[in-house]
Amino acid sequence: MGAFIKLLYGEDVSHIQLGVLDVNSLEPSKKPLNILVKQLKNHVNITLKNGVTYKGTMTKCDGHMNIILEGATECKGDKLIANYGSVLVRGNNILYISVEK
């Protein structure tokens, strides 16, 4: 887990234990929520804890990482399940988010 976080944040992560990131030790530009807010209007893939992935353009994000996607699609594995106009993804259900560049 530490190597993955090092890739994300580009810094020494030897102070991290049990995969928990101490966000208070990060400079403001590297805090996860700040990084996410900078990606507004970009296409993202959001994978939920149940394995479902939502893909779309992130238009809003709040402090709980609740995210609104426009032009969203729902997929399970490589199989398309549904197309949606707008989707609200509850931050509590998110496993990880990837940003397409």
PDB file of N, CA and C in Angstrom:
ATOM      1  N   MET A   1       0.828  -1.191   0.000  1.00  0.00           N
ATOM      2  CA  MET A   1       0.000   0.000   0.000  1.00  0.00           C
ATOM      3  C   MET A   1       0.865   1.245   0.000  1.00  0.00           C
ATOM      4  N   GLY A   2       1.970   1.238   0.741  1.00  0.00           N
ATOM      5  CA  GLY A   2       2.846   2.390   0.815  1.00  0.00           C
ATOM      6  C   GLY A   2       3.410   2.786  -0.531  1.00  0.00           C
ATOM      7  N   ALA A   3       3.784   1.784  -1.354  1.00  0.00           N
ATOM      8  CA  ALA A   3       4.327   2.089  -2.678  1.00  0.00           C
ATOM      9  C   ALA A   3       3.271   2.753  -3.547  1.00  0.00           C
ATOM     10  N   PHE A   4       2.020   2.300  -3.453  1.00  0.00           N
ATOM     11  CA  PHE A   4       0.937   2.902  -4.224  1.00  0.00           C
ATOM     12  C   PHE A   4       0.731   4.359  -3.819  1.00  0.00           C
ATOM     13  N   ILE A   5       0.747   4.624  -2.533  1.00  0.00           N
ATOM     14  CA  ILE A   5       0.576   5.990  -2.054  1.00  0.00           C
ATOM     15  C   ILE A   5       1.771   6.840  -2.468  1.00  0.00           C
ATOM     16  N   LYS A   6       2.973   6.259  -2.461  1.00  0.00           N
ATOM     17  CA  LYS A   6       4.150   7.011  -2.891  1.00  0.00           C
ATOM     18  C   LYS A   6       4.002   7.418  -4.353  1.00  0.00           C
ATOM     19  N   LEU A   7       3.450   6.530  -5.181  1.00  0.00           N
ATOM     20  CA  LEU A   7       3.204   6.879  -6.572  1.00  0.00           C
ATOM     21  C   LEU A   7       2.225   8.043  -6.669  1.00  0.00           C
ATOM     22  N   LEU A   8       1.199   8.043  -5.833  1.00  0.00           N
ATOM     23  CA  LEU A   8       0.207   9.106  -5.867  1.00  0.00           C
ATOM     24  C   LEU A   8       0.754  10.431  -5.383  1.00  0.00           C
ATOM     25  N   TYR A   9       1.535  10.403  -4.313  1.00  0.00           N
ATOM     26  CA  TYR A   9       1.933  11.634  -3.654  1.00  0.00           C
ATOM     27  C   TYR A   9       3.398  12.008  -3.867  1.00  0.00           C
ATOM     28  N   GLY A  10       4.208  11.082  -4.402  1.00  0.00           N
ATOM     29  CA  GLY A  10       5.585  11.382  -4.733  1.00  0.00           C
ATOM     30  C   GLY A  10       6.434  11.787  -3.547  1.00  0.00           C
ATOM     31  N   GLU A  11       6.229  11.186  -2.402  1.00  0.00           N
ATOM     32  CA  GLU A  11       7.026  11.541  -1.231  1.00  0.00           C
ATOM     33  C   GLU A  11       7.291  10.298  -0.404  1.00  0.00           C
ATOM     34  N   ASP A  12       8.207  10.436   0.566  1.00  0.00           N
ATOM     35  CA  ASP A  12       8.528   9.345   1.462  1.00  0.00           C
ATOM     36  C   ASP A  12       7.302   9.013   2.300  1.00  0.00           C
ATOM     37  N   VAL A  13       6.918   7.757   2.301  1.00  0.00           N
ATOM     38  CA  VAL A  13       5.719   7.353   3.030  1.00  0.00           C
ATOM     39  C   VAL A  13       6.052   6.380   4.160  1.00  0.00           C
ATOM     40  N   SER A  14       7.283   6.446   4.658  1.00  0.00           N
ATOM     41  CA  SER A  14       7.688   5.520   5.709  1.00  0.00           C
ATOM     42  C   SER A  14       6.930   5.748   7.015  1.00  0.00           C
ATOM     43  N   HIS A  15       6.331   6.943   7.184  1.00  0.00           N
ATOM     44  CA  HIS A  15       5.575   7.245   8.406  1.00  0.00           C
ATOM     45  C   HIS A  15       4.154   6.674   8.367  1.00  0.00           C
ATOM     46  N   ILE A  16       3.752   6.092   7.239  1.00  0.00           N
ATOM     47  CA  ILE A  16       2.396   5.550   7.102  1.00  0.00           C
ATOM     48  C   ILE A  16       2.365   4.125   7.643  1.00  0.00           C
ATOM     49  N   GLN A  17       1.378   3.834   8.460  1.00  0.00           N
ATOM     50  CA  GLN A  17       1.234   2.509   9.031  1.00  0.00           C
ATOM     51  C   GLN A  17      -0.130   1.947   8.659  1.00  0.00           C
ATOM     52  N   LEU A  18      -0.173   0.673   8.368  1.00  0.00           N
ATOM     53  CA  LEU A  18      -1.406  -0.050   8.083  1.00  0.00           C
ATOM     54  C   LEU A  18      -2.199   0.573   6.935  1.00  0.00           C
ATOM     55  N   GLY A  19      -1.529   1.209   5.995  1.00  0.00           N
ATOM     56  CA  GLY A  19      -2.188   1.764   4.828  1.00  0.00           C
ATOM     57  C   GLY A  19      -3.013   3.008   5.101  1.00  0.00           C
ATOM     58  N   VAL A  20      -2.857   3.630   6.259  1.00  0.00           N
ATOM     59  CA  VAL A  20      -3.617   4.829   6.594  1.00  0.00           C
ATOM     60  C   VAL A  20      -2.738   6.044   6.330  1.00  0.00           C
ATOM     61  N   LEU A  21      -3.242   6.961   5.521  1.00  0.00           N
ATOM     62  CA  LEU A  21      -2.498   8.157   5.172  1.00  0.00           C
ATOM     63  C   LEU A  21      -2.843   9.273   6.145  1.00  0.00           C
ATOM     64  N   ASP A  22      -1.835   9.849   6.781  1.00  0.00           N
ATOM     65  CA  ASP A  22      -2.050  10.991   7.668  1.00  0.00           C
ATOM     66  C   ASP A  22      -2.099  12.239   6.799  1.00  0.00           C
ATOM     67  N   VAL A  23      -3.315  12.644   6.400  1.00  0.00           N
ATOM     68  CA  VAL A  23      -3.460  13.780   5.487  1.00  0.00           C
ATOM     69  C   VAL A  23      -3.014  15.080   6.120  1.00  0.00           C
ATOM     70  N   ASN A  24      -2.926  15.149   7.442  1.00  0.00           N
ATOM     71  CA  ASN A  24      -2.464  16.373   8.096  1.00  0.00           C
ATOM     72  C   ASN A  24      -0.986  16.628   7.846  1.00  0.00           C
ATOM     73  N   SER A  25      -0.235  15.558   7.496  1.00  0.00           N
ATOM     74  CA  SER A  25       1.189  15.718   7.253  1.00  0.00           C
ATOM     75  C   SER A  25       1.479  16.125   5.804  1.00  0.00           C
ATOM     76  N   LEU A  26       0.464  16.129   4.951  1.00  0.00           N
ATOM     77  CA  LEU A  26       0.653  16.497   3.555  1.00  0.00           C
ATOM     78  C   LEU A  26       0.498  17.999   3.368  1.00  0.00           C
ATOM     79  N   GLU A  27       1.230  18.538   2.411  1.00  0.00           N
ATOM     80  CA  GLU A  27       1.014  19.938   2.085  1.00  0.00           C
ATOM     81  C   GLU A  27      -0.353  20.058   1.406  1.00  0.00           C
ATOM     82  N   PRO A  28      -1.006  21.215   1.502  1.00  0.00           N
ATOM     83  CA  PRO A  28      -2.381  21.365   1.005  1.00  0.00           C
ATOM     84  C   PRO A  28      -2.597  20.935  -0.442  1.00  0.00           C
ATOM     85  N   SER A  29      -1.614  21.154  -1.314  1.00  0.00           N
ATOM     86  CA  SER A  29      -1.802  20.805  -2.724  1.00  0.00           C
ATOM     87  C   SER A  29      -1.807  19.306  -2.960  1.00  0.00           C
ATOM     88  N   LYS A  30      -1.430  18.497  -1.956  1.00  0.00           N
ATOM     89  CA  LYS A  30      -1.380  17.049  -2.135  1.00  0.00           C
ATOM     90  C   LYS A  30      -2.438  16.301  -1.330  1.00  0.00           C
ATOM     91  N   LYS A  31      -3.324  17.013  -0.659  1.00  0.00           N
ATOM     92  CA  LYS A  31      -4.389  16.346   0.080  1.00  0.00           C
ATOM     93  C   LYS A  31      -5.374  15.750  -0.928  1.00  0.00           C
ATOM     94  N   PRO A  32      -5.884  14.547  -0.658  1.00  0.00           N
ATOM     95  CA  PRO A  32      -6.738  13.857  -1.639  1.00  0.00           C
ATOM     96  C   PRO A  32      -7.930  14.676  -2.125  1.00  0.00           C
ATOM     97  N   LEU A  33      -8.631  15.352  -1.230  1.00  0.00           N
ATOM     98  CA  LEU A  33      -9.802  16.122  -1.651  1.00  0.00           C
ATOM     99  C   LEU A  33      -9.392  17.294  -2.540  1.00  0.00           C
ATOM    100  N   ASN A  34      -8.291  17.965  -2.210  1.00  0.00           N
ATOM    101  CA  ASN A  34      -7.819  19.081  -3.031  1.00  0.00           C
ATOM    102  C   ASN A  34      -7.424  18.607  -4.426  1.00  0.00           C
ATOM    103  N   ILE A  35      -6.786  17.445  -4.492  1.00  0.00           N
ATOM    104  CA  ILE A  35      -6.406  16.877  -5.793  1.00  0.00           C
ATOM    105  C   ILE A  35      -7.660  16.557  -6.597  1.00  0.00           C
ATOM    106  N   LEU A  36      -8.653  16.003  -5.937  1.00  0.00           N
ATOM    107  CA  LEU A  36      -9.893  15.638  -6.613  1.00  0.00           C
ATOM    108  C   LEU A  36     -10.621  16.866  -7.150  1.00  0.00           C
ATOM    109  N   VAL A  37     -10.707  17.927  -6.358  1.00  0.00           N
ATOM    110  CA  VAL A  37     -11.399  19.142  -6.779  1.00  0.00           C
ATOM    111  C   VAL A  37     -10.720  19.750  -8.008  1.00  0.00           C
ATOM    112  N   LYS A  38      -9.403  19.632  -8.104  1.00  0.00           N
ATOM    113  CA  LYS A  38      -8.680  20.146  -9.270  1.00  0.00           C
ATOM    114  C   LYS A  38      -9.034  19.387 -10.549  1.00  0.00           C
ATOM    115  N   GLN A  39      -9.648  18.224 -10.412  1.00  0.00           N
ATOM    116  CA  GLN A  39      -9.996  17.406 -11.577  1.00  0.00           C
ATOM    117  C   GLN A  39     -11.439  17.613 -12.034  1.00  0.00           C
ATOM    118  N   LEU A  40     -12.130  18.600 -11.485  1.00  0.00           N
ATOM    119  CA  LEU A  40     -13.497  18.887 -11.932  1.00  0.00           C
ATOM    120  C   LEU A  40     -13.499  19.150 -13.427  1.00  0.00           C
ATOM    121  N   LYS A  41     -14.542  18.717 -14.091  1.00  0.00           N
ATOM    122  CA  LYS A  41     -14.739  18.831 -15.543  1.00  0.00           C
ATOM    123  C   LYS A  41     -13.891  17.837 -16.330  1.00  0.00           C
ATOM    124  N   ASN A  42     -13.218  16.915 -15.637  1.00  0.00           N
ATOM    125  CA  ASN A  42     -12.461  15.858 -16.310  1.00  0.00           C
ATOM    126  C   ASN A  42     -13.228  14.542 -16.247  1.00  0.00           C
ATOM    127  N   HIS A  43     -12.881  13.638 -17.146  1.00  0.00           N
ATOM    128  CA  HIS A  43     -13.506  12.321 -17.174  1.00  0.00           C
ATOM    129  C   HIS A  43     -12.849  11.448 -16.096  1.00  0.00           C
ATOM    130  N   VAL A  44     -13.669  10.790 -15.282  1.00  0.00           N
ATOM    131  CA  VAL A  44     -13.166   9.944 -14.205  1.00  0.00           C
ATOM    132  C   VAL A  44     -13.833   8.573 -14.249  1.00  0.00           C
ATOM    133  N   ASN A  45     -13.148   7.600 -13.674  1.00  0.00           N
ATOM    134  CA  ASN A  45     -13.694   6.268 -13.436  1.00  0.00           C
ATOM    135  C   ASN A  45     -13.762   6.099 -11.928  1.00  0.00           C
ATOM    136  N   ILE A  46     -14.952   5.798 -11.426  1.00  0.00           N
ATOM    137  CA  ILE A  46     -15.145   5.609  -9.985  1.00  0.00           C
ATOM    138  C   ILE A  46     -15.536   4.156  -9.757  1.00  0.00           C
ATOM    139  N   THR A  47     -14.700   3.441  -9.015  1.00  0.00           N
ATOM    140  CA  THR A  47     -14.998   2.046  -8.682  1.00  0.00           C
ATOM    141  C   THR A  47     -15.525   1.994  -7.262  1.00  0.00           C
ATOM    142  N   LEU A  48     -16.676   1.361  -7.110  1.00  0.00           N
ATOM    143  CA  LEU A  48     -17.316   1.235  -5.804  1.00  0.00           C
ATOM    144  C   LEU A  48     -16.849  -0.023  -5.096  1.00  0.00           C
ATOM    145  N   LYS A  49     -17.132  -0.098  -3.813  1.00  0.00           N
ATOM    146  CA  LYS A  49     -16.746  -1.255  -3.005  1.00  0.00           C
ATOM    147  C   LYS A  49     -17.395  -2.545  -3.487  1.00  0.00           C
ATOM    148  N   ASN A  50     -18.546  -2.443  -4.180  1.00  0.00           N
ATOM    149  CA  ASN A  50     -19.231  -3.641  -4.678  1.00  0.00           C
ATOM    150  C   ASN A  50     -18.746  -4.073  -6.060  1.00  0.00           C
ATOM    151  N   GLY A  51     -17.724  -3.383  -6.605  1.00  0.00           N
ATOM    152  CA  GLY A  51     -17.142  -3.776  -7.887  1.00  0.00           C
ATOM    153  C   GLY A  51     -17.727  -3.078  -9.096  1.00  0.00           C
ATOM    154  N   VAL A  52     -18.774  -2.291  -8.926  1.00  0.00           N
ATOM    155  CA  VAL A  52     -19.387  -1.547 -10.031  1.00  0.00           C
ATOM    156  C   VAL A  52     -18.541  -0.309 -10.308  1.00  0.00           C
ATOM    157  N   THR A  53     -18.383   0.024 -11.592  1.00  0.00           N
ATOM    158  CA  THR A  53     -17.620   1.202 -11.990  1.00  0.00           C
ATOM    159  C   THR A  53     -18.534   2.187 -12.702  1.00  0.00           C
ATOM    160  N   TYR A  54     -18.432   3.449 -12.325  1.00  0.00           N
ATOM    161  CA  TYR A  54     -19.141   4.527 -13.008  1.00  0.00           C
ATOM    162  C   TYR A  54     -18.113   5.373 -13.735  1.00  0.00           C
ATOM    163  N   LYS A  55     -18.415   5.677 -14.994  1.00  0.00           N
ATOM    164  CA  LYS A  55     -17.526   6.500 -15.810  1.00  0.00           C
ATOM    165  C   LYS A  55     -18.309   7.707 -16.287  1.00  0.00           C
ATOM    166  N   GLY A  56     -17.697   8.888 -16.194  1.00  0.00           N
ATOM    167  CA  GLY A  56     -18.360  10.094 -16.644  1.00  0.00           C
ATOM    168  C   GLY A  56     -17.531  11.323 -16.329  1.00  0.00           C
ATOM    169  N   THR A  57     -18.103  12.482 -16.591  1.00  0.00           N
ATOM    170  CA  THR A  57     -17.426  13.747 -16.326  1.00  0.00           C
ATOM    171  C   THR A  57     -17.822  14.245 -14.941  1.00  0.00           C
ATOM    172  N   MET A  58     -16.823  14.440 -14.092  1.00  0.00           N
ATOM    173  CA  MET A  58     -17.071  14.896 -12.729  1.00  0.00           C
ATOM    174  C   MET A  58     -17.385  16.391 -12.753  1.00  0.00           C
ATOM    175  N   THR A  59     -18.594  16.747 -12.318  1.00  0.00           N
ATOM    176  CA  THR A  59     -18.989  18.150 -12.337  1.00  0.00           C
ATOM    177  C   THR A  59     -19.001  18.785 -10.949  1.00  0.00           C
ATOM    178  N   LYS A  60     -19.198  17.981  -9.903  1.00  0.00           N
ATOM    179  CA  LYS A  60     -19.203  18.512  -8.534  1.00  0.00           C
ATOM    180  C   LYS A  60     -18.635  17.472  -7.585  1.00  0.00           C
ATOM    181  N   CYS A  61     -18.052  17.974  -6.489  1.00  0.00           N
ATOM    182  CA  CYS A  61     -17.497  17.112  -5.450  1.00  0.00           C
ATOM    183  C   CYS A  61     -17.574  17.881  -4.136  1.00  0.00           C
ATOM    184  N   ASP A  62     -17.966  17.204  -3.045  1.00  0.00           N
ATOM    185  CA  ASP A  62     -18.028  17.889  -1.755  1.00  0.00           C
ATOM    186  C   ASP A  62     -17.025  17.307  -0.773  1.00  0.00           C
ATOM    187  N   GLY A  63     -17.056  17.795   0.452  1.00  0.00           N
ATOM    188  CA  GLY A  63     -16.109  17.380   1.474  1.00  0.00           C
ATOM    189  C   GLY A  63     -16.208  15.925   1.889  1.00  0.00           C
ATOM    190  N   HIS A  64     -17.319  15.273   1.576  1.00  0.00           N
ATOM    191  CA  HIS A  64     -17.484  13.841   1.873  1.00  0.00           C
ATOM    192  C   HIS A  64     -17.139  12.996   0.661  1.00  0.00           C
ATOM    193  N   MET A  65     -16.630  13.632  -0.380  1.00  0.00           N
ATOM    194  CA  MET A  65     -16.303  13.009  -1.661  1.00  0.00           C
ATOM    195  C   MET A  65     -17.529  12.432  -2.346  1.00  0.00           C
ATOM    196  N   ASN A  66     -18.710  13.004  -2.057  1.00  0.00           N
ATOM    197  CA  ASN A  66     -19.884  12.717  -2.874  1.00  0.00           C
ATOM    198  C   ASN A  66     -19.618  13.388  -4.212  1.00  0.00           C
ATOM    199  N   ILE A  67     -19.871  12.676  -5.296  1.00  0.00           N
ATOM    200  CA  ILE A  67     -19.491  13.168  -6.622  1.00  0.00           C
ATOM    201  C   ILE A  67     -20.684  13.108  -7.565  1.00  0.00           C
ATOM    202  N   ILE A  68     -20.852  14.152  -8.350  1.00  0.00           N
ATOM    203  CA  ILE A  68     -21.858  14.160  -9.409  1.00  0.00           C
ATOM    204  C   ILE A  68     -21.150  13.965 -10.737  1.00  0.00           C
ATOM    205  N   LEU A  69     -21.603  12.959 -11.489  1.00  0.00           N
ATOM    206  CA  LEU A  69     -21.077  12.674 -12.819  1.00  0.00           C
ATOM    207  C   LEU A  69     -22.135  13.007 -13.858  1.00  0.00           C
ATOM    208  N   GLU A  70     -21.722  13.611 -14.948  1.00  0.00           N
ATOM    209  CA  GLU A  70     -22.595  13.862 -16.101  1.00  0.00           C
ATOM    210  C   GLU A  70     -22.203  12.884 -17.202  1.00  0.00           C
ATOM    211  N   GLY A  71     -23.186  12.450 -17.977  1.00  0.00           N
ATOM    212  CA  GLY A  71     -22.927  11.506 -19.064  1.00  0.00           C
ATOM    213  C   GLY A  71     -22.363  10.197 -18.540  1.00  0.00           C
ATOM    214  N   ALA A  72     -22.896   9.735 -17.429  1.00  0.00           N
ATOM    215  CA  ALA A  72     -22.336   8.581 -16.732  1.00  0.00           C
ATOM    216  C   ALA A  72     -22.789   7.255 -17.326  1.00  0.00           C
ATOM    217  N   THR A  73     -21.888   6.285 -17.270  1.00  0.00           N
ATOM    218  CA  THR A  73     -22.207   4.905 -17.611  1.00  0.00           C
ATOM    219  C   THR A  73     -21.867   4.032 -16.412  1.00  0.00           C
ATOM    220  N   GLU A  74     -22.618   2.948 -16.263  1.00  0.00           N
ATOM    221  CA  GLU A  74     -22.396   1.996 -15.183  1.00  0.00           C
ATOM    222  C   GLU A  74     -21.907   0.699 -15.795  1.00  0.00           C
ATOM    223  N   CYS A  75     -20.785   0.183 -15.283  1.00  0.00           N
ATOM    224  CA  CYS A  75     -20.199  -1.056 -15.815  1.00  0.00           C
ATOM    225  C   CYS A  75     -19.860  -2.004 -14.673  1.00  0.00           C
ATOM    226  N   LYS A  76     -19.922  -3.270 -14.954  1.00  0.00           N
ATOM    227  CA  LYS A  76     -19.458  -4.304 -14.028  1.00  0.00           C
ATOM    228  C   LYS A  76     -18.477  -5.142 -14.822  1.00  0.00           C
ATOM    229  N   GLY A  77     -17.203  -5.057 -14.465  1.00  0.00           N
ATOM    230  CA  GLY A  77     -16.168  -5.676 -15.289  1.00  0.00           C
ATOM    231  C   GLY A  77     -16.101  -4.925 -16.610  1.00  0.00           C
ATOM    232  N   ASP A  78     -16.148  -5.637 -17.723  1.00  0.00           N
ATOM    233  CA  ASP A  78     -16.138  -4.997 -19.041  1.00  0.00           C
ATOM    234  C   ASP A  78     -17.546  -4.860 -19.610  1.00  0.00           C
ATOM    235  N   LYS A  79     -18.564  -5.269 -18.858  1.00  0.00           N
ATOM    236  CA  LYS A  79     -19.937  -5.271 -19.346  1.00  0.00           C
ATOM    237  C   LYS A  79     -20.669  -3.972 -18.992  1.00  0.00           C
ATOM    238  N   LEU A  80     -21.187  -3.292 -20.011  1.00  0.00           N
ATOM    239  CA  LEU A  80     -21.978  -2.084 -19.809  1.00  0.00           C
ATOM    240  C   LEU A  80     -23.341  -2.474 -19.243  1.00  0.00           C
ATOM    241  N   ILE A  81     -23.709  -1.868 -18.121  1.00  0.00           N
ATOM    242  CA  ILE A  81     -24.996  -2.167 -17.489  1.00  0.00           C
ATOM    243  C   ILE A  81     -26.036  -1.130 -17.865  1.00  0.00           C
ATOM    244  N   ALA A  82     -25.665   0.172 -17.812  1.00  0.00           N
ATOM    245  CA  ALA A  82     -26.645   1.227 -18.097  1.00  0.00           C
ATOM    246  C   ALA A  82     -25.940   2.527 -18.463  1.00  0.00           C
ATOM    247  N   ASN A  83     -26.676   3.383 -19.182  1.00  0.00           N
ATOM    248  CA  ASN A  83     -26.247   4.747 -19.481  1.00  0.00           C
ATOM    249  C   ASN A  83     -27.146   5.695 -18.700  1.00  0.00           C
ATOM    250  N   TYR A  84     -26.549   6.700 -18.078  1.00  0.00           N
ATOM    251  CA  TYR A  84     -27.301   7.676 -17.302  1.00  0.00           C
ATOM    252  C   TYR A  84     -26.932   9.082 -17.759  1.00  0.00           C
ATOM    253  N   GLY A  85     -27.814  10.024 -17.520  1.00  0.00           N
ATOM    254  CA  GLY A  85     -27.472  11.421 -17.769  1.00  0.00           C
ATOM    255  C   GLY A  85     -26.622  11.953 -16.628  1.00  0.00           C
ATOM    256  N   SER A  86     -27.188  11.972 -15.424  1.00  0.00           N
ATOM    257  CA  SER A  86     -26.485  12.441 -14.232  1.00  0.00           C
ATOM    258  C   SER A  86     -26.566  11.387 -13.143  1.00  0.00           C
ATOM    259  N   VAL A  87     -25.491  11.267 -12.379  1.00  0.00           N
ATOM    260  CA  VAL A  87     -25.432  10.292 -11.292  1.00  0.00           C
ATOM    261  C   VAL A  87     -24.774  10.957 -10.089  1.00  0.00           C
ATOM    262  N   LEU A  88     -25.353  10.736  -8.912  1.00  0.00           N
ATOM    263  CA  LEU A  88     -24.714  11.138  -7.659  1.00  0.00           C
ATOM    264  C   LEU A  88     -24.125   9.874  -7.042  1.00  0.00           C
ATOM    265  N   VAL A  89     -22.806   9.873  -6.853  1.00  0.00           N
ATOM    266  CA  VAL A  89     -22.127   8.735  -6.240  1.00  0.00           C
ATOM    267  C   VAL A  89     -21.785   9.127  -4.807  1.00  0.00           C
ATOM    268  N   ARG A  90     -22.271   8.358  -3.861  1.00  0.00           N
ATOM    269  CA  ARG A  90     -22.020   8.657  -2.445  1.00  0.00           C
ATOM    270  C   ARG A  90     -20.570   8.306  -2.103  1.00  0.00           C
ATOM    271  N   GLY A  91     -19.869   9.265  -1.521  1.00  0.00           N
ATOM    272  CA  GLY A  91     -18.452   9.093  -1.217  1.00  0.00           C
ATOM    273  C   GLY A  91     -18.151   7.897  -0.338  1.00  0.00           C
ATOM    274  N   ASN A  92     -19.047   7.543   0.546  1.00  0.00           N
ATOM    275  CA  ASN A  92     -18.858   6.417   1.452  1.00  0.00           C
ATOM    276  C   ASN A  92     -18.739   5.084   0.714  1.00  0.00           C
ATOM    277  N   ASN A  93     -19.289   5.003  -0.497  1.00  0.00           N
ATOM    278  CA  ASN A  93     -19.275   3.753  -1.263  1.00  0.00           C
ATOM    279  C   ASN A  93     -18.081   3.631  -2.201  1.00  0.00           C
ATOM    280  N   ILE A  94     -17.263   4.675  -2.307  1.00  0.00           N
ATOM    281  CA  ILE A  94     -16.175   4.688  -3.287  1.00  0.00           C
ATOM    282  C   ILE A  94     -14.970   3.925  -2.767  1.00  0.00           C
ATOM    283  N   LEU A  95     -14.472   3.016  -3.617  1.00  0.00           N
ATOM    284  CA  LEU A  95     -13.236   2.297  -3.316  1.00  0.00           C
ATOM    285  C   LEU A  95     -12.041   3.107  -3.824  1.00  0.00           C
ATOM    286  N   TYR A  96     -12.099   3.515  -5.094  1.00  0.00           N
ATOM    287  CA  TYR A  96     -11.053   4.393  -5.634  1.00  0.00           C
ATOM    288  C   TYR A  96     -11.563   5.141  -6.858  1.00  0.00           C
ATOM    289  N   ILE A  97     -10.840   6.204  -7.209  1.00  0.00           N
ATOM    290  CA  ILE A  97     -11.167   7.056  -8.341  1.00  0.00           C
ATOM    291  C   ILE A  97      -9.940   7.174  -9.219  1.00  0.00           C
ATOM    292  N   SER A  98     -10.122   7.003 -10.519  1.00  0.00           N
ATOM    293  CA  SER A  98      -9.013   7.247 -11.453  1.00  0.00           C
ATOM    294  C   SER A  98      -9.438   8.332 -12.435  1.00  0.00           C
ATOM    295  N   VAL A  99      -8.484   9.175 -12.777  1.00  0.00           N
ATOM    296  CA  VAL A  99      -8.737  10.304 -13.667  1.00  0.00           C
ATOM    297  C   VAL A  99      -8.115   9.994 -15.021  1.00  0.00           C
ATOM    298  N   GLU A 100      -8.921  10.165 -16.071  1.00  0.00           N
ATOM    299  CA  GLU A 100      -8.389   9.972 -17.418  1.00  0.00           C
ATOM    300  C   GLU A 100      -7.821  11.280 -17.908  1.00  0.00           C
ATOM    301  N   LYS A 101      -6.665  11.213 -18.523  1.00  0.00           N
ATOM    302  CA  LYS A 101      -6.043  12.436 -19.043  1.00  0.00           C
ATOM    303  C   LYS A 101      -6.075  12.464 -20.535  1.00  0.00           C
TER     304      LYS A 101
END
